[in-house]
């Protein structure tokens, strides 16, 4: 729940988001803004 502030590095995401939540599924890291909106993800097997 306290995954800091997103700065940069997700394709096509040009805004910065504070106080984000990082969700973890079997395949993805999922990033949610402090307003409860999804804004990006990273495939786990690509890390």
ModelCIF file with pLDDT and N, C-alpha, C, O atoms, coordinates in Angstrom:
data_MODEL
#
_entry.id   MODEL 
#
_entity.id                         1 
_entity.type                       polymer 
_entity.pdbx_number_of_molecules   1 
#
_entity_poly.entity_id                      1 
_entity_poly.type                           'polypeptide(L)' 
_entity_poly.nstd_linkage                   no 
_entity_poly.nstd_monomer                   no 
_entity_poly.pdbx_seq_one_letter_code       
;(UNK)(UNK)(UNK)(UNK)(UNK)(UNK)(UNK)(UNK)(UNK)(UNK)(UNK)(UNK)(UNK)(UNK)(UNK)(UNK)
(UNK)(UNK)(UNK)(UNK)(UNK)(UNK)(UNK)(UNK)(UNK)(UNK)(UNK)(UNK)(UNK)(UNK)(UNK)(UNK)
(UNK)(UNK)(UNK)(UNK)(UNK)(UNK)(UNK)(UNK)(UNK)(UNK)(UNK)(UNK)(UNK)(UNK)(UNK)
;
_entity_poly.pdbx_seq_one_letter_code_can   XXXXXXXXXXXXXXXXXXXXXXXXXXXXXXXXXXXXXXXXXXXXXXX 
_entity_poly.pdbx_strand_id                 A 
#
loop_
_entity_poly_seq.entity_id 
_entity_poly_seq.num 
_entity_poly_seq.mon_id 
_entity_poly_seq.hetero 
1 1  UNK n 
1 2  UNK n 
1 3  UNK n 
1 4  UNK n 
1 5  UNK n 
1 6  UNK n 
1 7  UNK n 
1 8  UNK n 
1 9  UNK n 
1 10 UNK n 
1 11 UNK n 
1 12 UNK n 
1 13 UNK n 
1 14 UNK n 
1 15 UNK n 
1 16 UNK n 
1 17 UNK n 
1 18 UNK n 
1 19 UNK n 
1 20 UNK n 
1 21 UNK n 
1 22 UNK n 
1 23 UNK n 
1 24 UNK n 
1 25 UNK n 
1 26 UNK n 
1 27 UNK n 
1 28 UNK n 
1 29 UNK n 
1 30 UNK n 
1 31 UNK n 
1 32 UNK n 
1 33 UNK n 
1 34 UNK n 
1 35 UNK n 
1 36 UNK n 
1 37 UNK n 
1 38 UNK n 
1 39 UNK n 
1 40 UNK n 
1 41 UNK n 
1 42 UNK n 
1 43 UNK n 
1 44 UNK n 
1 45 UNK n 
1 46 UNK n 
1 47 UNK n 
#
_struct_asym.id          A 
_struct_asym.entity_id   1 
#
loop_
_ma_qa_metric.id 
_ma_qa_metric.mode 
_ma_qa_metric.name 
_ma_qa_metric.software_group_id 
_ma_qa_metric.type 
1 global pLDDT . pLDDT 
2 local  pLDDT . pLDDT 
#
_ma_qa_metric_global.metric_id      1 
_ma_qa_metric_global.metric_value   91.40 
_ma_qa_metric_global.model_id       1 
_ma_qa_metric_global.ordinal_id     1 
#
loop_
_ma_qa_metric_local.label_asym_id 
_ma_qa_metric_local.label_comp_id 
_ma_qa_metric_local.label_seq_id 
_ma_qa_metric_local.metric_id 
_ma_qa_metric_local.metric_value 
_ma_qa_metric_local.model_id 
_ma_qa_metric_local.ordinal_id 
A UNK 1  2 91.00 1 1  
A UNK 2  2 89.00 1 2  
A UNK 3  2 94.00 1 3  
A UNK 4  2 93.00 1 4  
A UNK 5  2 94.00 1 5  
A UNK 6  2 95.00 1 6  
A UNK 7  2 91.00 1 7  
A UNK 8  2 88.00 1 8  
A UNK 9  2 89.00 1 9  
A UNK 10 2 91.00 1 10 
A UNK 11 2 86.00 1 11 
A UNK 12 2 86.00 1 12 
A UNK 13 2 89.00 1 13 
A UNK 14 2 85.00 1 14 
A UNK 15 2 88.00 1 15 
A UNK 16 2 90.00 1 16 
A UNK 17 2 92.00 1 17 
A UNK 18 2 89.00 1 18 
A UNK 19 2 88.00 1 19 
A UNK 20 2 93.00 1 20 
A UNK 21 2 95.00 1 21 
A UNK 22 2 94.00 1 22 
A UNK 23 2 93.00 1 23 
A UNK 24 2 94.00 1 24 
A UNK 25 2 93.00 1 25 
A UNK 26 2 91.00 1 26 
A UNK 27 2 92.00 1 27 
A UNK 28 2 93.00 1 28 
A UNK 29 2 94.00 1 29 
A UNK 30 2 94.00 1 30 
A UNK 31 2 95.00 1 31 
A UNK 32 2 93.00 1 32 
A UNK 33 2 91.00 1 33 
A UNK 34 2 88.00 1 34 
A UNK 35 2 88.00 1 35 
A UNK 36 2 90.00 1 36 
A UNK 37 2 90.00 1 37 
A UNK 38 2 92.00 1 38 
A UNK 39 2 92.00 1 39 
A UNK 40 2 92.00 1 40 
A UNK 41 2 93.00 1 41 
A UNK 42 2 94.00 1 42 
A UNK 43 2 94.00 1 43 
A UNK 44 2 93.00 1 44 
A UNK 45 2 91.00 1 45 
A UNK 46 2 93.00 1 46 
A UNK 47 2 93.00 1 47 
#
loop_
_atom_site.group_PDB 
_atom_site.id 
_atom_site.type_symbol 
_atom_site.label_atom_id 
_atom_site.label_alt_id 
_atom_site.label_comp_id 
_atom_site.label_asym_id 
_atom_site.label_entity_id 
_atom_site.label_seq_id 
_atom_site.pdbx_PDB_ins_code 
_atom_site.Cartn_x 
_atom_site.Cartn_y 
_atom_site.Cartn_z 
_atom_site.occupancy 
_atom_site.B_iso_or_equiv 
_atom_site.pdbx_formal_charge 
_atom_site.auth_seq_id 
_atom_site.auth_comp_id 
_atom_site.auth_asym_id 
_atom_site.auth_atom_id 
_atom_site.pdbx_PDB_model_num 
ATOM 1   N N  . UNK A 1 1  ? 0.787  -1.237  0.000   1.00 91.00 ? 1  UNK A N  1 
ATOM 2   C CA . UNK A 1 1  ? 0.000  0.000   0.000   1.00 91.00 ? 1  UNK A CA 1 
ATOM 3   C C  . UNK A 1 1  ? 0.817  1.285   0.000   1.00 91.00 ? 1  UNK A C  1 
ATOM 4   O O  . UNK A 1 1  ? 0.323  2.319   -0.447  1.00 91.00 ? 1  UNK A O  1 
ATOM 5   N N  . UNK A 1 2  ? 2.033  1.249   0.481   1.00 89.00 ? 2  UNK A N  1 
ATOM 6   C CA . UNK A 1 2  ? 2.845  2.468   0.537   1.00 89.00 ? 2  UNK A CA 1 
ATOM 7   C C  . UNK A 1 2  ? 4.070  2.294   -0.356  1.00 89.00 ? 2  UNK A C  1 
ATOM 8   O O  . UNK A 1 2  ? 5.184  2.072   0.120   1.00 89.00 ? 2  UNK A O  1 
ATOM 9   N N  . UNK A 1 3  ? 3.834  2.400   -1.674  1.00 94.00 ? 3  UNK A N  1 
ATOM 10  C CA . UNK A 1 3  ? 4.907  2.147   -2.625  1.00 94.00 ? 3  UNK A CA 1 
ATOM 11  C C  . UNK A 1 3  ? 5.497  3.437   -3.178  1.00 94.00 ? 3  UNK A C  1 
ATOM 12  O O  . UNK A 1 3  ? 5.975  3.478   -4.312  1.00 94.00 ? 3  UNK A O  1 
ATOM 13  N N  . UNK A 1 4  ? 5.460  4.477   -2.376  1.00 93.00 ? 4  UNK A N  1 
ATOM 14  C CA . UNK A 1 4  ? 6.115  5.724   -2.722  1.00 93.00 ? 4  UNK A CA 1 
ATOM 15  C C  . UNK A 1 4  ? 5.405  6.498   -3.820  1.00 93.00 ? 4  UNK A C  1 
ATOM 16  O O  . UNK A 1 4  ? 4.200  6.362   -4.029  1.00 93.00 ? 4  UNK A O  1 
ATOM 17  N N  . UNK A 1 5  ? 6.186  7.310   -4.512  1.00 94.00 ? 5  UNK A N  1 
ATOM 18  C CA . UNK A 1 5  ? 5.687  8.169   -5.585  1.00 94.00 ? 5  UNK A CA 1 
ATOM 19  C C  . UNK A 1 5  ? 6.253  7.691   -6.913  1.00 94.00 ? 5  UNK A C  1 
ATOM 20  O O  . UNK A 1 5  ? 7.465  7.537   -7.061  1.00 94.00 ? 5  UNK A O  1 
ATOM 21  N N  . UNK A 1 6  ? 5.371  7.457   -7.879  1.00 95.00 ? 6  UNK A N  1 
ATOM 22  C CA . UNK A 1 6  ? 5.845  7.081   -9.216  1.00 95.00 ? 6  UNK A CA 1 
ATOM 23  C C  . UNK A 1 6  ? 6.467  8.306   -9.870  1.00 95.00 ? 6  UNK A C  1 
ATOM 24  O O  . UNK A 1 6  ? 5.840  9.362   -9.961  1.00 95.00 ? 6  UNK A O  1 
ATOM 25  N N  . UNK A 1 7  ? 7.722  8.152   -10.329 1.00 91.00 ? 7  UNK A N  1 
ATOM 26  C CA . UNK A 1 7  ? 8.440  9.265   -10.951 1.00 91.00 ? 7  UNK A CA 1 
ATOM 27  C C  . UNK A 1 7  ? 8.428  9.167   -12.467 1.00 91.00 ? 7  UNK A C  1 
ATOM 28  O O  . UNK A 1 7  ? 7.987  10.088  -13.154 1.00 91.00 ? 7  UNK A O  1 
ATOM 29  N N  . UNK A 1 8  ? 8.923  8.029   -12.993 1.00 88.00 ? 8  UNK A N  1 
ATOM 30  C CA . UNK A 1 8  ? 9.084  7.905   -14.442 1.00 88.00 ? 8  UNK A CA 1 
ATOM 31  C C  . UNK A 1 8  ? 9.419  6.453   -14.784 1.00 88.00 ? 8  UNK A C  1 
ATOM 32  O O  . UNK A 1 8  ? 9.832  5.682   -13.918 1.00 88.00 ? 8  UNK A O  1 
ATOM 33  N N  . UNK A 1 9  ? 9.236  6.090   -16.063 1.00 89.00 ? 9  UNK A N  1 
ATOM 34  C CA . UNK A 1 9  ? 9.714  4.789   -16.510 1.00 89.00 ? 9  UNK A CA 1 
ATOM 35  C C  . UNK A 1 9  ? 8.669  3.804   -16.979 1.00 89.00 ? 9  UNK A C  1 
ATOM 36  O O  . UNK A 1 9  ? 9.016  2.691   -17.375 1.00 89.00 ? 9  UNK A O  1 
ATOM 37  N N  . UNK A 1 10 ? 7.375  4.180   -16.948 1.00 91.00 ? 10 UNK A N  1 
ATOM 38  C CA . UNK A 1 10 ? 6.327  3.340   -17.518 1.00 91.00 ? 10 UNK A CA 1 
ATOM 39  C C  . UNK A 1 10 ? 5.954  3.917   -18.880 1.00 91.00 ? 10 UNK A C  1 
ATOM 40  O O  . UNK A 1 10 ? 5.640  5.104   -18.975 1.00 91.00 ? 10 UNK A O  1 
ATOM 41  N N  . UNK A 1 11 ? 5.980  3.106   -19.934 1.00 86.00 ? 11 UNK A N  1 
ATOM 42  C CA . UNK A 1 11 ? 5.648  3.614   -21.267 1.00 86.00 ? 11 UNK A CA 1 
ATOM 43  C C  . UNK A 1 11 ? 4.255  4.262   -21.299 1.00 86.00 ? 11 UNK A C  1 
ATOM 44  O O  . UNK A 1 11 ? 3.287  3.726   -20.760 1.00 86.00 ? 11 UNK A O  1 
ATOM 45  N N  . UNK A 1 12 ? 4.188  5.427   -21.947 1.00 86.00 ? 12 UNK A N  1 
ATOM 46  C CA . UNK A 1 12 ? 2.924  6.148   -22.146 1.00 86.00 ? 12 UNK A CA 1 
ATOM 47  C C  . UNK A 1 12 ? 2.312  6.680   -20.858 1.00 86.00 ? 12 UNK A C  1 
ATOM 48  O O  . UNK A 1 12 ? 1.144  7.067   -20.844 1.00 86.00 ? 12 UNK A O  1 
ATOM 49  N N  . UNK A 1 13 ? 3.079  6.705   -19.786 1.00 89.00 ? 13 UNK A N  1 
ATOM 50  C CA . UNK A 1 13 ? 2.597  7.310   -18.531 1.00 89.00 ? 13 UNK A CA 1 
ATOM 51  C C  . UNK A 1 13 ? 3.448  8.542   -18.264 1.00 89.00 ? 13 UNK A C  1 
ATOM 52  O O  . UNK A 1 13 ? 4.602  8.433   -17.848 1.00 89.00 ? 13 UNK A O  1 
ATOM 53  N N  . UNK A 1 14 ? 2.874  9.707   -18.506 1.00 85.00 ? 14 UNK A N  1 
ATOM 54  C CA . UNK A 1 14 ? 3.642  10.952  -18.427 1.00 85.00 ? 14 UNK A CA 1 
ATOM 55  C C  . UNK A 1 14 ? 3.414  11.742  -17.147 1.00 85.00 ? 14 UNK A C  1 
ATOM 56  O O  . UNK A 1 14 ? 4.095  12.736  -16.897 1.00 85.00 ? 14 UNK A O  1 
ATOM 57  N N  . UNK A 1 15 ? 2.458  11.303  -16.339 1.00 88.00 ? 15 UNK A N  1 
ATOM 58  C CA . UNK A 1 15 ? 2.185  11.982  -15.079 1.00 88.00 ? 15 UNK A CA 1 
ATOM 59  C C  . UNK A 1 15 ? 2.895  11.282  -13.934 1.00 88.00 ? 15 UNK A C  1 
ATOM 60  O O  . UNK A 1 15 ? 3.219  10.098  -14.023 1.00 88.00 ? 15 UNK A O  1 
ATOM 61  N N  . UNK A 1 16 ? 3.136  12.019  -12.859 1.00 90.00 ? 16 UNK A N  1 
ATOM 62  C CA . UNK A 1 16 ? 3.675  11.432  -11.639 1.00 90.00 ? 16 UNK A CA 1 
ATOM 63  C C  . UNK A 1 16 ? 2.523  11.234  -10.651 1.00 90.00 ? 16 UNK A C  1 
ATOM 64  O O  . UNK A 1 16 ? 1.604  12.049  -10.574 1.00 90.00 ? 16 UNK A O  1 
ATOM 65  N N  . UNK A 1 17 ? 2.595  10.139  -9.904  1.00 92.00 ? 17 UNK A N  1 
ATOM 66  C CA . UNK A 1 17 ? 1.526  9.801   -8.960  1.00 92.00 ? 17 UNK A CA 1 
ATOM 67  C C  . UNK A 1 17 ? 2.118  9.585   -7.579  1.00 92.00 ? 17 UNK A C  1 
ATOM 68  O O  . UNK A 1 17 ? 3.091  8.848   -7.417  1.00 92.00 ? 17 UNK A O  1 
ATOM 69  N N  . UNK A 1 18 ? 1.521  10.234  -6.584  1.00 89.00 ? 18 UNK A N  1 
ATOM 70  C CA . UNK A 1 18 ? 1.999  10.104  -5.208  1.00 89.00 ? 18 UNK A CA 1 
ATOM 71  C C  . UNK A 1 18 ? 1.194  9.048   -4.462  1.00 89.00 ? 18 UNK A C  1 
ATOM 72  O O  . UNK A 1 18 ? 0.051  8.752   -4.812  1.00 89.00 ? 18 UNK A O  1 
ATOM 73  N N  . UNK A 1 19 ? 1.810  8.491   -3.434  1.00 88.00 ? 19 UNK A N  1 
ATOM 74  C CA . UNK A 1 19 ? 1.139  7.550   -2.519  1.00 88.00 ? 19 UNK A CA 1 
ATOM 75  C C  . UNK A 1 19 ? 0.443  6.423   -3.285  1.00 88.00 ? 19 UNK A C  1 
ATOM 76  O O  . UNK A 1 19 ? -0.750 6.179   -3.110  1.00 88.00 ? 19 UNK A O  1 
ATOM 77  N N  . UNK A 1 20 ? 1.200  5.754   -4.123  1.00 93.00 ? 20 UNK A N  1 
ATOM 78  C CA . UNK A 1 20 ? 0.592  4.712   -4.946  1.00 93.00 ? 20 UNK A CA 1 
ATOM 79  C C  . UNK A 1 20 ? 0.552  3.377   -4.216  1.00 93.00 ? 20 UNK A C  1 
ATOM 80  O O  . UNK A 1 20 ? 1.232  3.170   -3.211  1.00 93.00 ? 20 UNK A O  1 
ATOM 81  N N  . UNK A 1 21 ? -0.260 2.484   -4.751  1.00 95.00 ? 21 UNK A N  1 
ATOM 82  C CA . UNK A 1 21 ? -0.336 1.109   -4.276  1.00 95.00 ? 21 UNK A CA 1 
ATOM 83  C C  . UNK A 1 21 ? 0.182  0.195   -5.374  1.00 95.00 ? 21 UNK A C  1 
ATOM 84  O O  . UNK A 1 21 ? -0.175 0.354   -6.542  1.00 95.00 ? 21 UNK A O  1 
ATOM 85  N N  . UNK A 1 22 ? 1.024  -0.761  -4.999  1.00 94.00 ? 22 UNK A N  1 
ATOM 86  C CA . UNK A 1 22 ? 1.535  -1.747  -5.948  1.00 94.00 ? 22 UNK A CA 1 
ATOM 87  C C  . UNK A 1 22 ? 0.847  -3.078  -5.678  1.00 94.00 ? 22 UNK A C  1 
ATOM 88  O O  . UNK A 1 22 ? 1.022  -3.675  -4.616  1.00 94.00 ? 22 UNK A O  1 
ATOM 89  N N  . UNK A 1 23 ? 0.063  -3.538  -6.648  1.00 93.00 ? 23 UNK A N  1 
ATOM 90  C CA . UNK A 1 23 ? -0.567 -4.844  -6.533  1.00 93.00 ? 23 UNK A CA 1 
ATOM 91  C C  . UNK A 1 23 ? 0.322  -5.908  -7.165  1.00 93.00 ? 23 UNK A C  1 
ATOM 92  O O  . UNK A 1 23 ? 1.058  -5.628  -8.111  1.00 93.00 ? 23 UNK A O  1 
ATOM 93  N N  . UNK A 1 24 ? 0.252  -7.121  -6.642  1.00 94.00 ? 24 UNK A N  1 
ATOM 94  C CA . UNK A 1 24 ? 1.082  -8.219  -7.143  1.00 94.00 ? 24 UNK A CA 1 
ATOM 95  C C  . UNK A 1 24 ? 0.183  -9.389  -7.516  1.00 94.00 ? 24 UNK A C  1 
ATOM 96  O O  . UNK A 1 24 ? -0.506 -9.951  -6.664  1.00 94.00 ? 24 UNK A O  1 
ATOM 97  N N  . UNK A 1 25 ? 0.195  -9.754  -8.805  1.00 93.00 ? 25 UNK A N  1 
ATOM 98  C CA . UNK A 1 25 ? -0.512 -10.944 -9.256  1.00 93.00 ? 25 UNK A CA 1 
ATOM 99  C C  . UNK A 1 25 ? 0.521  -11.990 -9.661  1.00 93.00 ? 25 UNK A C  1 
ATOM 100 O O  . UNK A 1 25 ? 1.721  -11.777 -9.490  1.00 93.00 ? 25 UNK A O  1 
ATOM 101 N N  . UNK A 1 26 ? 0.070  -13.096 -10.187 1.00 91.00 ? 26 UNK A N  1 
ATOM 102 C CA . UNK A 1 26 ? 1.018  -14.132 -10.611 1.00 91.00 ? 26 UNK A CA 1 
ATOM 103 C C  . UNK A 1 26 ? 1.873  -13.672 -11.789 1.00 91.00 ? 26 UNK A C  1 
ATOM 104 O O  . UNK A 1 26 ? 2.972  -14.183 -12.000 1.00 91.00 ? 26 UNK A O  1 
ATOM 105 N N  . UNK A 1 27 ? 1.360  -12.698 -12.563 1.00 92.00 ? 27 UNK A N  1 
ATOM 106 C CA . UNK A 1 27 ? 2.046  -12.308 -13.783 1.00 92.00 ? 27 UNK A CA 1 
ATOM 107 C C  . UNK A 1 27 ? 2.455  -10.844 -13.836 1.00 92.00 ? 27 UNK A C  1 
ATOM 108 O O  . UNK A 1 27 ? 3.330  -10.479 -14.621 1.00 92.00 ? 27 UNK A O  1 
ATOM 109 N N  . UNK A 1 28 ? 1.835  -9.996  -13.011 1.00 93.00 ? 28 UNK A N  1 
ATOM 110 C CA . UNK A 1 28 ? 2.031  -8.558  -13.156 1.00 93.00 ? 28 UNK A CA 1 
ATOM 111 C C  . UNK A 1 28 ? 2.288  -7.849  -11.833 1.00 93.00 ? 28 UNK A C  1 
ATOM 112 O O  . UNK A 1 28 ? 1.836  -8.292  -10.777 1.00 93.00 ? 28 UNK A O  1 
ATOM 113 N N  . UNK A 1 29 ? 3.024  -6.736  -11.907 1.00 94.00 ? 29 UNK A N  1 
ATOM 114 C CA . UNK A 1 29 ? 3.004  -5.704  -10.879 1.00 94.00 ? 29 UNK A CA 1 
ATOM 115 C C  . UNK A 1 29 ? 2.021  -4.657  -11.383 1.00 94.00 ? 29 UNK A C  1 
ATOM 116 O O  . UNK A 1 29 ? 2.160  -4.166  -12.503 1.00 94.00 ? 29 UNK A O  1 
ATOM 117 N N  . UNK A 1 30 ? 1.033  -4.312  -10.569 1.00 94.00 ? 30 UNK A N  1 
ATOM 118 C CA . UNK A 1 30 ? -0.054 -3.428  -10.994 1.00 94.00 ? 30 UNK A CA 1 
ATOM 119 C C  . UNK A 1 30 ? 0.010  -2.159  -10.145 1.00 94.00 ? 30 UNK A C  1 
ATOM 120 O O  . UNK A 1 30 ? 0.072  -2.234  -8.917  1.00 94.00 ? 30 UNK A O  1 
ATOM 121 N N  . UNK A 1 31 ? -0.003 -1.007  -10.790 1.00 95.00 ? 31 UNK A N  1 
ATOM 122 C CA . UNK A 1 31 ? 0.169  0.248   -10.073 1.00 95.00 ? 31 UNK A CA 1 
ATOM 123 C C  . UNK A 1 31 ? -1.135 1.053   -10.074 1.00 95.00 ? 31 UNK A C  1 
ATOM 124 O O  . UNK A 1 31 ? -1.730 1.320   -11.118 1.00 95.00 ? 31 UNK A O  1 
ATOM 125 N N  . UNK A 1 32 ? -1.556 1.432   -8.848  1.00 93.00 ? 32 UNK A N  1 
ATOM 126 C CA . UNK A 1 32 ? -2.820 2.132   -8.633  1.00 93.00 ? 32 UNK A CA 1 
ATOM 127 C C  . UNK A 1 32 ? -2.528 3.482   -7.978  1.00 93.00 ? 32 UNK A C  1 
ATOM 128 O O  . UNK A 1 32 ? -1.759 3.559   -7.020  1.00 93.00 ? 32 UNK A O  1 
ATOM 129 N N  . UNK A 1 33 ? -3.148 4.549   -8.501  1.00 91.00 ? 33 UNK A N  1 
ATOM 130 C CA . UNK A 1 33 ? -2.945 5.884   -7.942  1.00 91.00 ? 33 UNK A CA 1 
ATOM 131 C C  . UNK A 1 33 ? -3.687 6.029   -6.618  1.00 91.00 ? 33 UNK A C  1 
ATOM 132 O O  . UNK A 1 33 ? -4.469 5.161   -6.230  1.00 91.00 ? 33 UNK A O  1 
ATOM 133 N N  . UNK A 1 34 ? -3.424 7.151   -5.928  1.00 88.00 ? 34 UNK A N  1 
ATOM 134 C CA . UNK A 1 34 ? -4.090 7.365   -4.641  1.00 88.00 ? 34 UNK A CA 1 
ATOM 135 C C  . UNK A 1 34 ? -5.566 7.714   -4.785  1.00 88.00 ? 34 UNK A C  1 
ATOM 136 O O  . UNK A 1 34 ? -6.276 7.863   -3.791  1.00 88.00 ? 34 UNK A O  1 
ATOM 137 N N  . UNK A 1 35 ? -6.027 7.843   -6.040  1.00 88.00 ? 35 UNK A N  1 
ATOM 138 C CA . UNK A 1 35 ? -7.457 8.035   -6.281  1.00 88.00 ? 35 UNK A CA 1 
ATOM 139 C C  . UNK A 1 35 ? -8.123 6.723   -6.704  1.00 88.00 ? 35 UNK A C  1 
ATOM 140 O O  . UNK A 1 35 ? -9.289 6.711   -7.100  1.00 88.00 ? 35 UNK A O  1 
ATOM 141 N N  . UNK A 1 36 ? -7.374 5.618   -6.616  1.00 90.00 ? 36 UNK A N  1 
ATOM 142 C CA . UNK A 1 36 ? -7.941 4.308   -6.906  1.00 90.00 ? 36 UNK A CA 1 
ATOM 143 C C  . UNK A 1 36 ? -7.985 3.936   -8.368  1.00 90.00 ? 36 UNK A C  1 
ATOM 144 O O  . UNK A 1 36 ? -8.720 3.028   -8.756  1.00 90.00 ? 36 UNK A O  1 
ATOM 145 N N  . UNK A 1 37 ? -7.196 4.634   -9.197  1.00 90.00 ? 37 UNK A N  1 
ATOM 146 C CA . UNK A 1 37 ? -7.206 4.373   -10.634 1.00 90.00 ? 37 UNK A CA 1 
ATOM 147 C C  . UNK A 1 37 ? -5.943 3.622   -11.076 1.00 90.00 ? 37 UNK A C  1 
ATOM 148 O O  . UNK A 1 37 ? -4.831 3.954   -10.664 1.00 90.00 ? 37 UNK A O  1 
ATOM 149 N N  . UNK A 1 38 ? -6.136 2.622   -11.906 1.00 92.00 ? 38 UNK A N  1 
ATOM 150 C CA . UNK A 1 38 ? -5.009 1.903   -12.502 1.00 92.00 ? 38 UNK A CA 1 
ATOM 151 C C  . UNK A 1 38 ? -4.287 2.835   -13.471 1.00 92.00 ? 38 UNK A C  1 
ATOM 152 O O  . UNK A 1 38 ? -4.933 3.555   -14.232 1.00 92.00 ? 38 UNK A O  1 
ATOM 153 N N  . UNK A 1 39 ? -2.940 2.829   -13.449 1.00 92.00 ? 39 UNK A N  1 
ATOM 154 C CA . UNK A 1 39 ? -2.225 3.660   -14.417 1.00 92.00 ? 39 UNK A CA 1 
ATOM 155 C C  . UNK A 1 39 ? -1.057 2.942   -15.101 1.00 92.00 ? 39 UNK A C  1 
ATOM 156 O O  . UNK A 1 39 ? -0.417 3.520   -15.979 1.00 92.00 ? 39 UNK A O  1 
ATOM 157 N N  . UNK A 1 40 ? -0.770 1.705   -14.719 1.00 92.00 ? 40 UNK A N  1 
ATOM 158 C CA . UNK A 1 40 ? 0.309  1.009   -15.410 1.00 92.00 ? 40 UNK A CA 1 
ATOM 159 C C  . UNK A 1 40 ? 0.627  -0.326  -14.768 1.00 92.00 ? 40 UNK A C  1 
ATOM 160 O O  . UNK A 1 40 ? 0.161  -0.636  -13.672 1.00 92.00 ? 40 UNK A O  1 
ATOM 161 N N  . UNK A 1 41 ? 1.438  -1.119  -15.479 1.00 93.00 ? 41 UNK A N  1 
ATOM 162 C CA . UNK A 1 41 ? 1.846  -2.423  -14.941 1.00 93.00 ? 41 UNK A CA 1 
ATOM 163 C C  . UNK A 1 41 ? 3.194  -2.822  -15.531 1.00 93.00 ? 41 UNK A C  1 
ATOM 164 O O  . UNK A 1 41 ? 3.651  -2.257  -16.524 1.00 93.00 ? 41 UNK A O  1 
ATOM 165 N N  . UNK A 1 42 ? 3.815  -3.807  -14.896 1.00 94.00 ? 42 UNK A N  1 
ATOM 166 C CA . UNK A 1 42 ? 5.061  -4.392  -15.373 1.00 94.00 ? 42 UNK A CA 1 
ATOM 167 C C  . UNK A 1 42 ? 4.906  -5.912  -15.326 1.00 94.00 ? 42 UNK A C  1 
ATOM 168 O O  . UNK A 1 42 ? 4.579  -6.459  -14.273 1.00 94.00 ? 42 UNK A O  1 
ATOM 169 N N  . UNK A 1 43 ? 5.135  -6.604  -16.444 1.00 94.00 ? 43 UNK A N  1 
ATOM 170 C CA . UNK A 1 43 ? 5.113  -8.077  -16.413 1.00 94.00 ? 43 UNK A CA 1 
ATOM 171 C C  . UNK A 1 43 ? 6.249  -8.601  -15.538 1.00 94.00 ? 43 UNK A C  1 
ATOM 172 O O  . UNK A 1 43 ? 7.401  -8.205  -15.714 1.00 94.00 ? 43 UNK A O  1 
ATOM 173 N N  . UNK A 1 44 ? 5.935  -9.470  -14.616 1.00 93.00 ? 44 UNK A N  1 
ATOM 174 C CA . UNK A 1 44 ? 6.935  -9.959  -13.677 1.00 93.00 ? 44 UNK A CA 1 
ATOM 175 C C  . UNK A 1 44 ? 8.063  -10.703 -14.384 1.00 93.00 ? 44 UNK A C  1 
ATOM 176 O O  . UNK A 1 44 ? 9.227  -10.583 -14.001 1.00 93.00 ? 44 UNK A O  1 
ATOM 177 N N  . UNK A 1 45 ? 7.717  -11.474 -15.421 1.00 91.00 ? 45 UNK A N  1 
ATOM 178 C CA . UNK A 1 45 ? 8.762  -12.258 -16.095 1.00 91.00 ? 45 UNK A CA 1 
ATOM 179 C C  . UNK A 1 45 ? 9.688  -11.416 -16.964 1.00 91.00 ? 45 UNK A C  1 
ATOM 180 O O  . UNK A 1 45 ? 10.645 -11.932 -17.540 1.00 91.00 ? 45 UNK A O  1 
ATOM 181 N N  . UNK A 1 46 ? 9.399  -10.105 -17.058 1.00 93.00 ? 46 UNK A N  1 
ATOM 182 C CA . UNK A 1 46 ? 10.272 -9.217  -17.843 1.00 93.00 ? 46 UNK A CA 1 
ATOM 183 C C  . UNK A 1 46 ? 11.290 -8.490  -16.969 1.00 93.00 ? 46 UNK A C  1 
ATOM 184 O O  . UNK A 1 46 ? 12.156 -7.781  -17.482 1.00 93.00 ? 46 UNK A O  1 
ATOM 185 N N  . UNK A 1 47 ? 11.187 -8.664  -15.642 1.00 93.00 ? 47 UNK A N  1 
ATOM 186 C CA . UNK A 1 47 ? 12.045 -7.918  -14.714 1.00 93.00 ? 47 UNK A CA 1 
ATOM 187 C C  . UNK A 1 47 ? 13.433 -8.553  -14.645 1.00 93.00 ? 47 UNK A C  1 
ATOM 188 O O  . UNK A 1 47 ? 14.299 -8.067  -13.917 1.00 93.00 ? 47 UNK A O  1 
#
